[in-house]
C-alpha atoms as a PDB file:
ATOM      1  CA  MET A   1      85.978  48.667  63.029  1.00  0.00           C
ATOM      2  CA  THR A   2      82.278  49.485  63.058  1.00  0.00           C
ATOM      3  CA  THR A   3      79.570  46.893  62.535  1.00  0.00           C
ATOM      4  CA  ALA A   4      78.613  48.633  59.288  1.00  0.00           C
ATOM      5  CA  ASP A   5      82.200  48.451  57.962  1.00  0.00           C
ATOM      6  CA  LEU A   6      82.555  44.805  58.994  1.00  0.00           C
ATOM      7  CA  LEU A   7      79.309  43.805  57.276  1.00  0.00           C
ATOM      8  CA  LYS A   8      80.169  45.799  54.158  1.00  0.00           C
ATOM      9  CA  GLN A   9      83.492  43.962  53.842  1.00  0.00           C
ATOM     10  CA  LEU A  10      81.990  40.573  54.687  1.00  0.00           C
ATOM     11  CA  LYS A  11      79.218  40.954  52.122  1.00  0.00           C
ATOM     12  CA  GLY A  12      81.671  42.215  49.498  1.00  0.00           C
ATOM     13  CA  PHE A  13      84.222  39.439  50.015  1.00  0.00           C
ATOM     14  CA  SER A  14      81.608  36.697  50.204  1.00  0.00           C
ATOM     15  CA  SER A  15      79.708  37.810  47.097  1.00  0.00           C
ATOM     16  CA  ARG A  16      82.990  38.038  45.169  1.00  0.00           C
ATOM     17  CA  PHE A  17      83.919  34.534  46.366  1.00  0.00           C
ATOM     18  CA  VAL A  18      80.532  33.103  45.353  1.00  0.00           C
ATOM     19  CA  ASN A  19      80.615  34.770  41.933  1.00  0.00           C
ATOM     20  CA  ASP A  20      84.214  33.669  41.278  1.00  0.00           C
ATOM     21  CA  SER A  21      83.682  30.106  42.552  1.00  0.00           C
ATOM     22  CA  LEU A  22      80.162  29.187  41.469  1.00  0.00           C
ATOM     23  CA  ASN A  23      78.231  29.679  38.261  1.00  0.00           C
ATOM     24  CA  PHE A  24      74.598  30.435  38.992  1.00  0.00           C
ATOM     25  CA  GLY A  25      74.030  31.961  35.568  1.00  0.00           C
ATOM     26  CA  TYR A  26      73.594  35.342  37.233  1.00  0.00           C
ATOM     27  CA  LEU A  27      75.551  37.521  39.643  1.00  0.00           C
ATOM     28  CA  PHE A  28      74.963  36.791  43.303  1.00  0.00           C
ATOM     29  CA  ARG A  29      74.197  39.918  45.314  1.00  0.00           C
ATOM     30  CA  TRP A  30      73.242  40.421  48.922  1.00  0.00           C
ATOM     31  CA  GLN A  31      70.108  42.431  49.572  1.00  0.00           C
ATOM     32  CA  GLY A  32      70.720  45.919  50.893  1.00  0.00           C
ATOM     33  CA  GLY A  33      70.989  46.521  54.599  1.00  0.00           C
ATOM     34  CA  TYR A  34      71.559  44.254  57.564  1.00  0.00           C
ATOM     35  CA  ALA A  35      70.443  43.673  61.114  1.00  0.00           C
ATOM     36  CA  ALA A  36      72.756  43.197  64.078  1.00  0.00           C
ATOM     37  CA  PHE A  37      71.726  42.126  67.557  1.00  0.00           C
ATOM     38  CA  SER A  38      73.611  41.630  70.775  1.00  0.00           C
ATOM     39  CA  VAL A  39      72.922  39.061  73.471  1.00  0.00           C
ATOM     40  CA  SER A  40      74.079  39.280  77.068  1.00  0.00           C
ATOM     41  CA  ARG A  41      76.255  36.461  78.371  1.00  0.00           C
ATOM     42  CA  SER A  42      73.467  35.441  80.765  1.00  0.00           C
ATOM     43  CA  ASN A  43      71.060  34.992  77.823  1.00  0.00           C
ATOM     44  CA  LEU A  44      73.544  33.396  75.418  1.00  0.00           C
ATOM     45  CA  ALA A  45      72.167  29.847  75.748  1.00  0.00           C
ATOM     46  CA  ALA A  46      68.619  31.071  75.084  1.00  0.00           C
ATOM     47  CA  GLY A  47      69.854  33.091  72.087  1.00  0.00           C
ATOM     48  CA  ILE A  48      71.643  30.087  70.602  1.00  0.00           C
ATOM     49  CA  ASP A  49      68.560  27.917  71.154  1.00  0.00           C
ATOM     50  CA  TYR A  50      66.392  30.522  69.427  1.00  0.00           C
ATOM     51  CA  VAL A  51      68.669  30.641  66.377  1.00  0.00           C
ATOM     52  CA  LEU A  52      68.816  26.843  66.174  1.00  0.00           C
ATOM     53  CA  ARG A  53      64.996  26.700  66.224  1.00  0.00           C
ATOM     54  CA  GLN A  54      64.418  29.564  63.744  1.00  0.00           C
ATOM     55  CA  LYS A  55      62.576  27.347  61.298  1.00  0.00           C
ATOM     56  CA  GLU A  56      59.969  26.778  64.009  1.00  0.00           C
ATOM     57  CA  HIS A  57      59.526  30.547  64.353  1.00  0.00           C
ATOM     58  CA  TYR A  58      59.352  31.553  60.695  1.00  0.00           C
ATOM     59  CA  TYR A  59      56.968  30.048  58.208  1.00  0.00           C
ATOM     60  CA  THR A  60      56.572  30.636  54.504  1.00  0.00           C
ATOM     61  CA  ARG A  61      53.355  32.329  53.443  1.00  0.00           C
ATOM     62  CA  ALA A  62      52.103  29.025  52.059  1.00  0.00           C
ATOM     63  CA  GLU A  63      52.713  27.295  55.406  1.00  0.00           C
ATOM     64  CA  VAL A  64      50.860  30.058  57.237  1.00  0.00           C
ATOM     65  CA  LEU A  65      47.889  29.777  54.854  1.00  0.00           C
ATOM     66  CA  ILE A  66      47.819  25.988  55.214  1.00  0.00           C
ATOM     67  CA  ARG A  67      47.882  26.295  59.005  1.00  0.00           C
ATOM     68  CA  LEU A  68      45.044  28.834  58.885  1.00  0.00           C
ATOM     69  CA  VAL A  69      42.918  26.587  56.659  1.00  0.00           C
ATOM     70  CA  VAL A  70      43.628  23.408  58.640  1.00  0.00           C
ATOM     71  CA  CYS A  71      42.987  25.091  61.988  1.00  0.00           C
ATOM     72  CA  ALA A  72      39.847  26.913  60.821  1.00  0.00           C
END
């Protein structure tokens, strides 16, 4: 199975599950597209650490603006 086929099925099944199980008042839909990355076994620990610390890497626009103002 290709990565594209796997993600298509995963997104389809999960959105159906969410829409059948939860009532948001609107239909849940995944955004189009996906990204897939591979990590070598020797870099696995660093990859896991990176994912666990993602919030440290990605800020909302408001957080970025606040940091710019405070640091200016």
